[in-house]
Amino acid sequence: MISERQRKFREQYKADISPLYNGLLHIGVIFAAGIAALYYCATRLENATWEWLLVLPVFLAGNLVEWFMHKYVMHRRIDVFALRAIYERHTRQHHQYFTDIEPTIDTTREFRIVFFPWRVLITLGVGGGLLGYLAYLMINANAAYIVFMTMVGHYLVYEVFHYCCHVHDNWFVRNMPFINTIRRHHTAHHNQGIMMHYNMNLTFPIADWLMGTSDLRRGLLGHLFNGYSEDHIKEELKPIIRKFRHDDSRVTLDGPQLTEDERRAMAA
């Protein structure tokens, strides 16, 4: 059952959403811009062959960047304007609105708390453009377009997977490979006891497996195809997860107040 603390936060957050906000317009712009960018790049490729091999390293680098940004920017308050705003929006809003007890939305107005704001598109365009230009200088134009397409594709997958984590449970999210895995992975991340330390990936839990920040103890393939299974959750985390799932008395806007034993358990 949703806690009184979470219920009150949700009510206030929804009351503060501008009446001009339109959730469908929000995601419409994101996906229209992303698909347009993919189409533009695809139509300018000229007999690309081996350049497609660049997809793998760019994808893996993106997975690590996704993990790093989530762990060290979204969950670490850095007193620099843009970085501080990211922390405020994520830790102090998104993680108060959603917990592992109630991680879902009911209306399109709640898209505001799920999808990134439009300014992320600008950041992606600038960063992807710079890396694409570097690939052009070092390799060729095909490489530039493929690097940019991979980055845009990664971002769109991120948004789709994140949305699938916050809709009500249904046949598709429960049975679709990779989506069912990340849905469980991300819902576990919203446990307020472990949210600052575990399950930072939002597409594929590769970096979490590599960096030891997954709540599961199993191999890479096991992580990728875990689905909804909770059979491999680390034993040392289970008491913390149980405690904070039903008791938010030690939860603040900036995360949980952990005991020394709990900190040691998560450092193990």
Protein backbone atom coordinates (compact mmCIF):
# COMPACT_ATOMS: atom_id res chain seq x y z
CA MET A 1 0.00 0.00 0.00
CA ILE A 2 1.25 3.48 -0.86
CA SER A 3 2.55 5.40 2.16
CA GLU A 4 1.04 8.65 3.35
CA ARG A 5 4.32 10.40 2.63
CA GLN A 6 4.34 9.26 -0.99
CA ARG A 7 0.64 10.00 -1.43
CA LYS A 8 1.06 13.59 -0.23
CA PHE A 9 4.11 14.15 -2.42
CA ARG A 10 2.24 12.88 -5.48
CA GLU A 11 -0.75 15.08 -4.81
CA GLN A 12 1.42 18.18 -4.41
CA TYR A 13 3.54 17.40 -7.46
CA LYS A 14 0.49 16.93 -9.69
CA ALA A 15 -1.07 20.11 -8.33
CA ASP A 16 2.09 22.02 -9.29
CA ILE A 17 2.14 20.84 -12.94
CA SER A 18 1.32 23.75 -15.24
CA PRO A 19 -2.16 23.60 -16.78
CA LEU A 20 -0.41 24.22 -20.12
CA TYR A 21 1.59 20.99 -19.87
CA ASN A 22 0.60 18.32 -22.37
CA GLY A 23 2.12 14.89 -21.88
CA LEU A 24 1.43 13.69 -25.42
CA LEU A 25 3.05 16.81 -26.85
CA HIS A 26 6.04 16.25 -24.54
CA ILE A 27 6.77 12.75 -25.80
CA GLY A 28 5.64 13.61 -29.34
CA VAL A 29 8.44 16.16 -29.69
CA ILE A 30 11.01 13.75 -28.19
CA PHE A 31 10.21 10.90 -30.55
CA ALA A 32 9.56 13.08 -33.60
CA ALA A 33 12.97 14.73 -33.18
CA GLY A 34 14.68 11.40 -32.52
CA ILE A 35 13.11 9.57 -35.45
CA ALA A 36 13.74 12.52 -37.75
CA ALA A 37 17.42 12.51 -36.75
CA LEU A 38 17.67 8.77 -37.40
CA TYR A 39 15.99 9.15 -40.80
CA TYR A 40 18.22 12.08 -41.78
CA CYS A 41 21.40 10.17 -40.95
CA ALA A 42 20.22 6.91 -42.54
CA THR A 43 19.43 8.61 -45.84
CA ARG A 44 22.94 10.07 -46.01
CA LEU A 45 24.86 6.84 -45.59
CA GLU A 46 26.77 5.82 -48.70
CA ASN A 47 27.43 2.09 -48.98
CA ALA A 48 28.28 1.73 -45.31
CA THR A 49 29.79 -1.69 -44.52
CA TRP A 50 32.35 -2.18 -41.77
CA GLU A 51 31.40 1.16 -40.22
CA TRP A 52 28.37 -0.57 -38.68
CA LEU A 53 30.79 -2.30 -36.32
CA LEU A 54 31.03 1.04 -34.52
CA VAL A 55 27.56 0.45 -33.11
CA LEU A 56 28.87 -1.99 -30.48
CA PRO A 57 31.57 0.18 -28.85
CA VAL A 58 29.33 3.27 -28.96
CA PHE A 59 26.48 1.27 -27.42
CA LEU A 60 28.73 -0.07 -24.63
CA ALA A 61 30.20 3.38 -23.98
CA GLY A 62 26.67 4.76 -23.82
CA ASN A 63 25.70 2.09 -21.30
CA LEU A 64 28.59 3.16 -19.07
CA VAL A 65 27.75 6.86 -19.47
CA GLU A 66 24.12 6.09 -18.57
CA TRP A 67 25.33 4.32 -15.41
CA PHE A 68 27.79 7.08 -14.50
CA MET A 69 25.29 9.91 -14.98
CA HIS A 70 22.68 8.10 -12.92
CA LYS A 71 25.01 7.23 -10.04
CA TYR A 72 27.22 10.33 -9.89
CA VAL A 73 24.95 13.13 -11.14
CA MET A 74 21.32 12.10 -10.62
CA HIS A 75 22.11 10.71 -7.16
CA ARG A 76 24.95 13.03 -6.08
CA ARG A 77 24.22 16.67 -5.35
CA ILE A 78 26.80 18.77 -7.21
CA ASP A 79 26.46 22.49 -6.52
CA VAL A 80 26.64 23.57 -10.15
CA PHE A 81 23.41 24.94 -11.65
CA ALA A 82 22.61 22.39 -14.38
CA LEU A 83 23.94 19.40 -12.41
CA ARG A 84 22.13 20.48 -9.27
CA ALA A 85 18.89 20.77 -11.26
CA ILE A 86 19.31 17.19 -12.53
CA TYR A 87 19.75 15.96 -8.95
CA GLU A 88 16.74 17.91 -7.73
CA ARG A 89 14.52 16.57 -10.50
CA HIS A 90 15.66 12.98 -10.03
CA THR A 91 16.46 12.23 -6.38
CA ARG A 92 14.21 14.84 -4.76
CA GLN A 93 11.24 14.46 -7.13
CA HIS A 94 11.28 11.29 -9.23
CA HIS A 95 12.32 9.11 -6.29
CA GLN A 96 9.72 10.62 -4.00
CA TYR A 97 6.98 10.15 -6.57
CA PHE A 98 7.87 6.52 -7.29
CA THR A 99 8.82 3.73 -4.88
CA ASP A 100 9.02 -0.02 -5.30
CA ILE A 101 5.60 -0.23 -3.64
CA GLU A 102 3.98 2.18 -6.10
CA PRO A 103 6.11 2.79 -9.22
CA THR A 104 3.33 3.44 -11.73
CA ILE A 105 1.47 6.31 -13.38
CA ASP A 106 -2.20 6.69 -14.29
CA THR A 107 -2.41 9.68 -16.65
CA THR A 108 -0.47 11.36 -19.45
CA ARG A 109 0.04 14.43 -17.24
CA GLU A 110 2.37 12.25 -15.18
CA PHE A 111 4.64 11.93 -18.22
CA ARG A 112 6.32 15.01 -16.80
CA ILE A 113 7.85 12.95 -13.97
CA VAL A 114 8.87 10.07 -16.28
CA PHE A 115 10.36 11.55 -19.47
CA PHE A 116 13.35 13.88 -19.70
CA PRO A 117 12.66 17.55 -20.44
CA TRP A 118 13.25 18.80 -23.99
CA ARG A 119 16.56 20.44 -23.11
CA VAL A 120 18.06 16.94 -23.00
CA LEU A 121 17.43 16.76 -26.75
CA ILE A 122 19.62 19.83 -27.22
CA THR A 123 22.36 18.35 -25.04
CA LEU A 124 22.17 15.08 -26.96
CA GLY A 125 22.30 16.90 -30.29
CA VAL A 126 25.36 18.91 -29.30
CA GLY A 127 27.21 15.97 -27.73
CA GLY A 128 26.29 13.56 -30.50
CA GLY A 129 27.19 16.12 -33.13
CA LEU A 130 30.63 16.67 -31.63
CA LEU A 131 31.37 12.95 -31.38
CA GLY A 132 30.01 12.43 -34.87
CA TYR A 133 32.26 15.18 -36.22
CA LEU A 134 35.23 13.58 -34.47
CA ALA A 135 34.37 10.25 -36.13
CA TYR A 136 34.17 12.06 -39.46
CA LEU A 137 37.65 13.55 -38.99
CA MET A 138 39.17 10.27 -37.82
CA ILE A 139 37.32 7.84 -40.10
CA ASN A 140 34.70 9.01 -42.62
CA ALA A 141 31.19 10.43 -43.02
CA ASN A 142 29.50 7.04 -42.70
CA ALA A 143 31.16 6.55 -39.32
CA ALA A 144 29.94 9.98 -38.22
CA TYR A 145 26.33 9.23 -39.09
CA ILE A 146 26.43 5.78 -37.48
CA VAL A 147 27.91 7.13 -34.24
CA PHE A 148 25.20 9.79 -34.09
CA MET A 149 22.45 7.30 -34.93
CA THR A 150 23.62 4.93 -32.20
CA MET A 151 23.55 7.70 -29.62
CA VAL A 152 20.08 8.84 -30.64
CA GLY A 153 18.84 5.24 -30.73
CA HIS A 154 20.22 4.65 -27.24
CA TYR A 155 18.38 7.70 -25.94
CA LEU A 156 15.07 6.62 -27.49
CA VAL A 157 15.48 3.10 -26.07
CA TYR A 158 16.16 4.69 -22.66
CA GLU A 159 12.92 6.65 -22.81
CA VAL A 160 10.86 3.66 -24.00
CA PHE A 161 12.31 1.31 -21.38
CA HIS A 162 11.85 3.88 -18.61
CA TYR A 163 8.23 4.39 -19.62
CA CYS A 164 7.71 0.61 -19.55
CA CYS A 165 9.04 0.61 -15.98
CA HIS A 166 6.37 3.03 -14.80
CA VAL A 167 3.19 1.79 -16.52
CA HIS A 168 0.85 -0.62 -14.80
CA ASP A 169 1.81 -4.26 -15.10
CA ASN A 170 0.57 -5.91 -18.30
CA TRP A 171 1.29 -8.87 -20.56
CA PHE A 172 3.78 -6.97 -22.71
CA VAL A 173 6.08 -5.62 -19.98
CA ARG A 174 5.84 -8.89 -18.08
CA ASN A 175 6.86 -11.11 -21.01
CA MET A 176 8.96 -9.01 -23.39
CA PRO A 177 12.67 -9.95 -23.02
CA PHE A 178 14.92 -7.12 -21.82
CA ILE A 179 11.90 -4.97 -20.93
CA ASN A 180 10.77 -7.36 -18.21
CA THR A 181 14.35 -7.47 -16.94
CA ILE A 182 14.78 -3.70 -16.76
CA ARG A 183 11.32 -3.25 -15.26
CA ARG A 184 12.20 -5.44 -12.28
CA HIS A 185 15.72 -3.93 -12.15
CA HIS A 186 14.41 -0.37 -12.07
CA THR A 187 11.54 -1.08 -9.69
CA ALA A 188 14.11 -2.52 -7.27
CA HIS A 189 16.16 0.67 -7.73
CA HIS A 190 13.15 2.60 -6.44
CA ASN A 191 13.36 0.85 -3.09
CA GLN A 192 14.22 3.81 -0.87
CA GLY A 193 16.81 1.85 1.09
CA ILE A 194 19.08 0.99 -1.86
CA MET A 195 18.20 3.71 -4.40
CA MET A 196 21.43 5.68 -3.96
CA HIS A 197 23.70 2.71 -4.60
CA TYR A 198 22.14 -0.03 -6.74
CA ASN A 199 20.63 -0.68 -10.19
CA MET A 200 21.72 2.44 -12.05
CA ASN A 201 21.23 1.17 -15.59
CA LEU A 202 17.95 1.97 -17.33
CA THR A 203 18.43 0.16 -20.64
CA PHE A 204 20.47 -3.02 -20.21
CA PRO A 205 22.10 -3.78 -16.81
CA ILE A 206 25.56 -4.30 -18.29
CA ALA A 207 27.42 -1.58 -16.37
CA ASP A 208 25.65 -2.54 -13.13
CA TRP A 209 26.90 -6.10 -13.58
CA LEU A 210 30.40 -4.88 -14.46
CA MET A 211 30.66 -2.33 -11.64
CA GLY A 212 29.05 -4.50 -8.96
CA THR A 213 26.09 -2.17 -8.42
CA SER A 214 23.35 -4.67 -9.27
CA ASP A 215 21.10 -6.08 -6.57
CA LEU A 216 21.55 -9.49 -8.21
CA ARG A 217 24.35 -11.98 -7.78
CA ARG A 218 24.62 -13.71 -11.17
CA GLY A 219 26.45 -13.51 -14.50
CA LEU A 220 25.97 -11.14 -17.40
CA LEU A 221 23.55 -13.32 -19.37
CA GLY A 222 21.63 -13.98 -16.18
CA HIS A 223 21.33 -10.24 -15.67
CA LEU A 224 20.18 -9.55 -19.21
CA PHE A 225 17.53 -12.29 -19.20
CA ASN A 226 16.55 -12.21 -15.53
CA GLY A 227 13.01 -11.03 -16.19
CA TYR A 228 10.89 -10.67 -13.04
CA SER A 229 12.83 -13.29 -11.08
CA GLU A 230 13.90 -12.37 -7.54
CA ASP A 231 15.74 -15.64 -6.94
CA HIS A 232 19.22 -14.08 -7.17
CA ILE A 233 18.87 -10.95 -5.03
CA LYS A 234 21.92 -10.49 -2.81
CA GLU A 235 21.21 -11.89 0.64
CA GLU A 236 22.83 -8.94 2.40
CA LEU A 237 20.41 -6.53 0.72
CA LYS A 238 17.18 -8.37 1.51
CA PRO A 239 16.76 -7.03 5.09
CA ILE A 240 17.33 -3.45 3.88
CA ILE A 241 14.90 -3.85 1.00
CA ARG A 242 12.23 -5.32 3.29
CA LYS A 243 12.71 -2.61 5.91
CA PHE A 244 12.42 0.37 3.56
CA ARG A 245 9.63 -1.18 1.50
CA HIS A 246 7.24 -0.81 4.42
CA ASP A 247 8.81 1.92 6.56
CA ASP A 248 9.79 5.34 5.19
CA SER A 249 10.39 6.96 8.58
CA ARG A 250 14.14 7.20 7.80
CA VAL A 251 13.68 8.49 4.26
CA THR A 252 14.46 12.10 3.37
CA LEU A 253 14.31 14.04 0.10
CA ASP A 254 18.02 13.28 -0.23
CA GLY A 255 17.76 9.54 0.29
CA PRO A 256 17.68 7.11 3.22
CA GLN A 257 19.33 7.58 6.60
CA LEU A 258 21.15 4.27 6.89
CA THR A 259 22.54 2.65 10.02
CA GLU A 260 26.20 1.63 10.17
CA ASP A 261 25.21 -2.02 9.75
CA GLU A 262 23.20 -1.17 6.64
CA ARG A 263 26.10 0.80 5.16
CA ARG A 264 28.46 -2.10 5.81
CA ALA A 265 26.02 -4.54 4.20
CA MET A 266 25.87 -2.43 1.03
CA ALA A 267 29.64 -2.04 0.97
CA ALA A 268 30.17 -5.80 1.17
